[in-house]
């Protein structure tokens, strides 16, 4: 059932690098995050709102990855 999915619980991830702003208004920040439970795994995500390196994000799902901005 749904609760058996590993992705059903939030994951904590630390912002390693702020890559830049994206979105039509520049309100979205693209960041590289590393998971606290698996430091070797890092993905790129888009974050809305104020964010800086070292912040901890709660990712409701950890499978999706943002496309790299140009």
N, C-alpha and C. Protein backbone atom coordinates (compact mmCIF):
# COMPACT_ATOMS: atom_id res chain seq x y z
N UNK A 1 0.84 -1.20 0.00
CA UNK A 1 0.00 0.00 0.00
C UNK A 1 0.88 1.24 0.00
N UNK A 2 0.24 2.41 0.08
CA UNK A 2 0.95 3.66 -0.08
C UNK A 2 2.03 3.87 0.98
N UNK A 3 1.79 3.42 2.20
CA UNK A 3 2.71 3.70 3.29
C UNK A 3 4.02 2.91 3.19
N UNK A 4 4.05 1.92 2.31
CA UNK A 4 5.24 1.09 2.19
C UNK A 4 6.31 1.76 1.33
N UNK A 5 5.92 2.81 0.59
CA UNK A 5 6.90 3.48 -0.26
C UNK A 5 7.94 4.20 0.61
N UNK A 6 9.21 4.05 0.25
CA UNK A 6 10.27 4.70 1.01
C UNK A 6 10.14 6.22 0.90
N UNK A 7 9.51 6.68 -0.14
CA UNK A 7 9.41 8.11 -0.40
C UNK A 7 8.23 8.76 0.32
N UNK A 8 7.51 7.99 1.12
CA UNK A 8 6.28 8.52 1.71
C UNK A 8 6.58 9.41 2.92
N UNK A 9 7.81 9.33 3.46
CA UNK A 9 8.12 10.21 4.59
C UNK A 9 9.12 11.28 4.15
N UNK A 10 8.99 12.47 4.76
CA UNK A 10 9.87 13.57 4.36
C UNK A 10 11.34 13.25 4.61
N UNK A 11 12.20 13.80 3.76
CA UNK A 11 13.64 13.61 3.91
C UNK A 11 14.28 14.96 4.22
N UNK A 12 15.29 14.93 5.07
CA UNK A 12 16.01 16.16 5.38
C UNK A 12 17.23 16.27 4.48
N UNK A 13 17.44 17.46 3.94
CA UNK A 13 18.57 17.68 3.04
C UNK A 13 19.19 19.03 3.34
N UNK A 14 20.51 19.07 3.29
CA UNK A 14 21.23 20.32 3.56
C UNK A 14 21.64 20.98 2.24
N UNK A 15 21.46 22.31 2.18
CA UNK A 15 21.86 23.06 1.00
C UNK A 15 23.38 23.15 0.95
N UNK A 16 23.97 22.55 -0.09
CA UNK A 16 25.41 22.59 -0.25
C UNK A 16 25.86 23.78 -1.08
N UNK A 17 25.05 24.12 -2.09
CA UNK A 17 25.49 25.15 -3.04
C UNK A 17 24.26 25.84 -3.62
N UNK A 18 24.30 27.17 -3.64
CA UNK A 18 23.25 27.94 -4.30
C UNK A 18 23.69 28.17 -5.74
N UNK A 19 22.92 27.65 -6.69
CA UNK A 19 23.34 27.66 -8.10
C UNK A 19 22.88 28.91 -8.84
N UNK A 20 21.74 29.47 -8.43
CA UNK A 20 21.27 30.67 -9.12
C UNK A 20 19.76 30.80 -9.05
N UNK A 21 19.26 31.91 -9.57
CA UNK A 21 17.83 32.16 -9.53
C UNK A 21 17.19 31.75 -10.85
N UNK A 22 15.92 31.33 -10.75
CA UNK A 22 15.20 30.94 -11.95
C UNK A 22 13.73 31.34 -11.78
N UNK A 23 12.91 31.02 -12.75
CA UNK A 23 11.51 31.45 -12.70
C UNK A 23 11.37 32.82 -13.32
N UNK A 24 10.17 33.13 -13.76
CA UNK A 24 9.97 34.38 -14.50
C UNK A 24 10.22 35.61 -13.63
N UNK A 25 9.99 35.50 -12.33
CA UNK A 25 10.18 36.64 -11.43
C UNK A 25 11.51 36.54 -10.66
N UNK A 26 12.23 35.45 -10.85
CA UNK A 26 13.44 35.26 -10.07
C UNK A 26 13.15 34.91 -8.62
N UNK A 27 11.96 34.36 -8.37
CA UNK A 27 11.56 34.03 -7.00
C UNK A 27 11.95 32.62 -6.61
N UNK A 28 12.50 31.87 -7.55
CA UNK A 28 12.89 30.49 -7.29
C UNK A 28 14.41 30.39 -7.33
N UNK A 29 14.98 29.72 -6.35
CA UNK A 29 16.42 29.55 -6.28
C UNK A 29 16.76 28.10 -6.51
N UNK A 30 17.70 27.87 -7.43
CA UNK A 30 18.12 26.49 -7.69
C UNK A 30 19.31 26.17 -6.79
N UNK A 31 19.21 25.04 -6.08
CA UNK A 31 20.24 24.67 -5.12
C UNK A 31 20.62 23.21 -5.28
N UNK A 32 21.85 22.88 -4.89
CA UNK A 32 22.26 21.49 -4.78
C UNK A 32 22.18 21.09 -3.32
N UNK A 33 21.46 20.00 -3.05
CA UNK A 33 21.30 19.55 -1.67
C UNK A 33 21.89 18.17 -1.50
N UNK A 34 22.36 17.89 -0.28
CA UNK A 34 22.81 16.54 0.06
C UNK A 34 21.94 16.04 1.20
N UNK A 35 21.62 14.76 1.16
CA UNK A 35 20.72 14.19 2.16
C UNK A 35 21.47 13.93 3.46
N UNK A 36 20.82 14.22 4.58
CA UNK A 36 21.48 14.05 5.87
C UNK A 36 21.69 12.57 6.18
N UNK A 37 20.81 11.72 5.65
CA UNK A 37 20.95 10.29 5.94
C UNK A 37 21.84 9.59 4.91
N UNK A 38 22.18 10.32 3.83
CA UNK A 38 23.07 9.73 2.82
C UNK A 38 23.86 10.87 2.17
N UNK A 39 24.99 11.21 2.79
CA UNK A 39 25.75 12.40 2.39
C UNK A 39 26.31 12.25 0.98
N UNK A 40 26.47 11.02 0.53
CA UNK A 40 27.04 10.81 -0.81
C UNK A 40 26.04 11.10 -1.92
N UNK A 41 24.77 11.24 -1.57
CA UNK A 41 23.74 11.46 -2.57
C UNK A 41 23.34 12.93 -2.57
N UNK A 42 23.46 13.57 -3.74
CA UNK A 42 23.04 14.97 -3.84
C UNK A 42 22.24 15.16 -5.12
N UNK A 43 21.24 16.03 -5.04
CA UNK A 43 20.43 16.33 -6.21
C UNK A 43 20.24 17.84 -6.29
N UNK A 44 19.75 18.29 -7.44
CA UNK A 44 19.46 19.70 -7.67
C UNK A 44 17.96 19.92 -7.49
N UNK A 45 17.60 20.95 -6.71
CA UNK A 45 16.19 21.25 -6.49
C UNK A 45 15.94 22.74 -6.63
N UNK A 46 14.70 23.08 -6.96
CA UNK A 46 14.27 24.47 -6.99
C UNK A 46 13.57 24.79 -5.67
N UNK A 47 13.95 25.91 -5.06
CA UNK A 47 13.41 26.29 -3.76
C UNK A 47 12.78 27.66 -3.88
N UNK A 48 11.57 27.80 -3.33
CA UNK A 48 10.91 29.10 -3.31
C UNK A 48 11.11 29.72 -1.93
N UNK A 49 11.33 31.04 -1.93
CA UNK A 49 11.55 31.71 -0.66
C UNK A 49 13.03 31.82 -0.33
N UNK A 50 13.35 32.52 0.77
CA UNK A 50 14.75 32.77 1.10
C UNK A 50 15.48 31.48 1.46
N UNK A 51 16.67 31.33 0.91
CA UNK A 51 17.46 30.12 1.17
C UNK A 51 18.93 30.48 1.06
N UNK A 52 19.76 29.85 1.89
CA UNK A 52 21.20 30.07 1.80
C UNK A 52 21.91 28.77 2.12
N UNK A 53 23.21 28.74 1.80
CA UNK A 53 23.99 27.52 2.01
C UNK A 53 23.99 27.15 3.48
N UNK A 54 23.85 25.86 3.75
CA UNK A 54 23.82 25.37 5.12
C UNK A 54 22.41 25.17 5.65
N UNK A 55 21.41 25.71 4.95
CA UNK A 55 20.02 25.52 5.37
C UNK A 55 19.62 24.06 5.26
N UNK A 56 18.71 23.64 6.13
CA UNK A 56 18.16 22.29 6.06
C UNK A 56 16.77 22.38 5.43
N UNK A 57 16.56 21.59 4.36
CA UNK A 57 15.26 21.57 3.71
C UNK A 57 14.54 20.27 4.05
N UNK A 58 13.23 20.34 4.17
CA UNK A 58 12.42 19.13 4.31
C UNK A 58 11.82 18.83 2.95
N UNK A 59 12.31 17.77 2.31
CA UNK A 59 11.81 17.41 0.98
C UNK A 59 10.70 16.38 1.14
N UNK A 60 9.51 16.74 0.71
CA UNK A 60 8.38 15.82 0.85
C UNK A 60 8.55 14.63 -0.07
N UNK A 61 9.29 14.83 -1.17
CA UNK A 61 9.65 13.69 -2.01
C UNK A 61 11.06 13.93 -2.51
N UNK A 62 11.84 12.87 -2.58
CA UNK A 62 13.27 13.03 -2.85
C UNK A 62 13.66 12.44 -4.20
N UNK A 63 12.68 12.02 -4.99
CA UNK A 63 12.99 11.41 -6.27
C UNK A 63 13.12 12.43 -7.37
N UNK A 64 12.28 13.48 -7.29
CA UNK A 64 12.24 14.47 -8.36
C UNK A 64 13.50 15.32 -8.34
N UNK A 65 14.02 15.60 -9.52
CA UNK A 65 15.20 16.47 -9.62
C UNK A 65 14.92 17.58 -10.61
N UNK A 66 15.34 18.81 -10.28
CA UNK A 66 15.10 19.94 -11.16
C UNK A 66 16.06 19.89 -12.35
N UNK A 67 15.59 20.40 -13.49
CA UNK A 67 16.50 20.54 -14.64
C UNK A 67 17.46 21.70 -14.38
N UNK A 68 18.69 21.54 -14.82
CA UNK A 68 19.71 22.55 -14.60
C UNK A 68 19.36 23.81 -15.39
N UNK A 69 19.44 24.96 -14.75
CA UNK A 69 19.12 26.19 -15.47
C UNK A 69 20.28 26.61 -16.36
N UNK A 70 19.95 27.29 -17.45
CA UNK A 70 21.00 27.70 -18.38
C UNK A 70 21.41 29.15 -18.14
